[in-house]
Amino acid sequence: MTISTVALFWALFLVCVMNMVRYFSSLRALLVVLRGCDPLLYQYVDGAGFFTSHGQPSKQMRLVTYIWSQRYHDHHDDEFIRRCERVRRQFLLTSALCGLVIISLISLMFWH
């Protein structure tokens, strides 16, 4: 029994897409918690416009930087801290999977 490299690529791609959906869902849940526990930070990171076409990318990057630098550890709400940890872990996992998909695609282009 041989495993098709193309089928393996599509399976990896599907896993990556599913993790991206989970990541965005967790990010939405984080913004809901943030709106309730810290309205000023919610406005600072453009929480209301985060997933809209009129969102401000510079403000959205503030949330990415906030989570990446782990500044949430000083926050007063434990639920918010747990959500930030989850979003950070999912971001790292999804980034690694996307990198693996790109490497696999390049490899398939040379292999086939």
Protein backbone atom coordinates (compact mmCIF):
# COMPACT_ATOMS: atom_id res chain seq x y z
CA MET A 1 0.00 0.00 0.00
CA THR A 2 1.47 3.33 -1.05
CA ILE A 3 0.42 6.72 0.17
CA SER A 4 -0.12 9.30 -2.50
CA THR A 5 1.94 12.42 -1.87
CA VAL A 6 -0.80 14.56 -3.38
CA ALA A 7 -3.40 13.06 -1.04
CA LEU A 8 -1.03 13.62 1.87
CA PHE A 9 -0.61 17.25 0.84
CA TRP A 10 -4.38 17.79 0.66
CA ALA A 11 -4.84 16.18 4.07
CA LEU A 12 -2.20 18.49 5.53
CA PHE A 13 -3.83 21.45 3.81
CA LEU A 14 -7.23 20.50 5.25
CA VAL A 15 -5.78 20.21 8.77
CA CYS A 16 -4.20 23.64 8.33
CA VAL A 17 -7.49 25.20 7.21
CA MET A 18 -9.36 23.60 10.12
CA ASN A 19 -6.80 25.02 12.56
CA MET A 20 -7.14 28.45 10.96
CA VAL A 21 -10.90 28.30 11.54
CA ARG A 22 -10.32 27.28 15.16
CA TYR A 23 -7.84 30.15 15.57
CA PHE A 24 -10.27 32.76 14.23
CA SER A 25 -13.05 31.34 16.38
CA SER A 26 -10.84 31.59 19.47
CA LEU A 27 -9.89 35.13 18.50
CA ARG A 28 -13.57 36.07 18.27
CA ALA A 29 -14.21 34.55 21.71
CA LEU A 30 -11.22 36.47 23.08
CA LEU A 31 -12.65 39.74 21.75
CA VAL A 32 -16.01 39.00 23.38
CA VAL A 33 -14.32 38.40 26.73
CA LEU A 34 -12.17 41.50 26.21
CA ARG A 35 -15.21 43.67 25.53
CA GLY A 36 -16.66 42.68 28.89
CA CYS A 37 -13.56 42.80 31.08
CA ASP A 38 -11.50 45.65 29.58
CA PRO A 39 -13.47 48.03 27.30
CA LEU A 40 -10.53 50.43 26.91
CA LEU A 41 -8.22 47.70 25.61
CA TYR A 42 -11.09 46.50 23.40
CA GLN A 43 -11.25 49.94 21.77
CA TYR A 44 -7.46 50.19 21.65
CA VAL A 45 -7.23 47.04 19.49
CA ASP A 46 -10.30 47.95 17.38
CA GLY A 47 -12.37 45.10 18.79
CA ALA A 48 -15.63 46.23 17.18
CA GLY A 49 -14.08 46.46 13.72
CA PHE A 50 -11.67 43.56 14.01
CA PHE A 51 -13.38 41.21 11.55
CA THR A 52 -14.96 43.84 9.32
CA SER A 53 -13.82 45.34 6.06
CA HIS A 54 -13.47 48.77 7.68
CA GLY A 55 -11.19 47.48 10.47
CA GLN A 56 -7.95 49.28 11.16
CA PRO A 57 -4.97 46.95 10.62
CA SER A 58 -2.62 49.09 12.69
CA LYS A 59 -4.92 48.76 15.71
CA GLN A 60 -5.40 45.05 15.04
CA MET A 61 -1.65 44.57 15.06
CA ARG A 62 -1.67 45.98 18.57
CA LEU A 63 -3.57 42.90 19.73
CA VAL A 64 -1.14 40.63 17.91
CA THR A 65 1.78 42.41 19.56
CA TYR A 66 0.02 42.36 22.93
CA ILE A 67 -0.47 38.59 22.72
CA TRP A 68 2.91 37.83 21.15
CA SER A 69 4.81 39.73 23.84
CA GLN A 70 2.62 38.07 26.51
CA ARG A 71 1.67 41.36 28.16
CA TYR A 72 -1.65 39.77 29.12
CA HIS A 73 0.03 38.08 32.10
CA ASP A 74 -0.44 41.32 34.05
CA HIS A 75 -4.17 41.49 33.29
CA HIS A 76 -6.67 41.24 36.16
CA ASP A 77 -9.10 38.78 34.49
CA ASP A 78 -8.12 35.09 34.59
CA GLU A 79 -10.53 34.17 31.77
CA PHE A 80 -8.90 36.74 29.51
CA ILE A 81 -5.44 35.39 30.33
CA ARG A 82 -6.56 31.82 29.50
CA ARG A 83 -8.09 32.97 26.21
CA CYS A 84 -4.92 34.85 25.28
CA GLU A 85 -2.81 31.76 26.01
CA ARG A 86 -5.10 29.66 23.84
CA VAL A 87 -5.01 32.15 20.96
CA ARG A 88 -1.21 32.36 21.19
CA ARG A 89 -0.80 28.56 21.11
CA GLN A 90 -3.22 28.25 18.19
CA PHE A 91 -1.42 31.00 16.31
CA LEU A 92 1.90 29.21 16.71
CA LEU A 93 0.38 25.89 15.63
CA THR A 94 -1.39 27.40 12.64
CA SER A 95 1.73 29.29 11.57
CA ALA A 96 3.79 26.11 11.72
CA LEU A 97 1.17 24.19 9.74
CA CYS A 98 0.94 26.92 7.10
CA GLY A 99 4.73 26.87 6.77
CA LEU A 100 4.63 23.10 6.38
CA VAL A 101 1.93 23.38 3.70
CA ILE A 102 4.03 25.89 1.75
CA ILE A 103 7.13 23.71 2.01
CA SER A 104 5.07 20.69 0.93
CA LEU A 105 3.66 22.58 -2.03
CA ILE A 106 7.13 23.63 -3.16
CA SER A 107 8.34 20.06 -2.74
CA LEU A 108 5.42 18.73 -4.78
CA MET A 109 6.15 21.20 -7.56
CA PHE A 110 9.72 19.90 -7.83
CA TRP A 111 8.81 16.26 -7.27
CA HIS A 112 6.02 15.97 -9.85
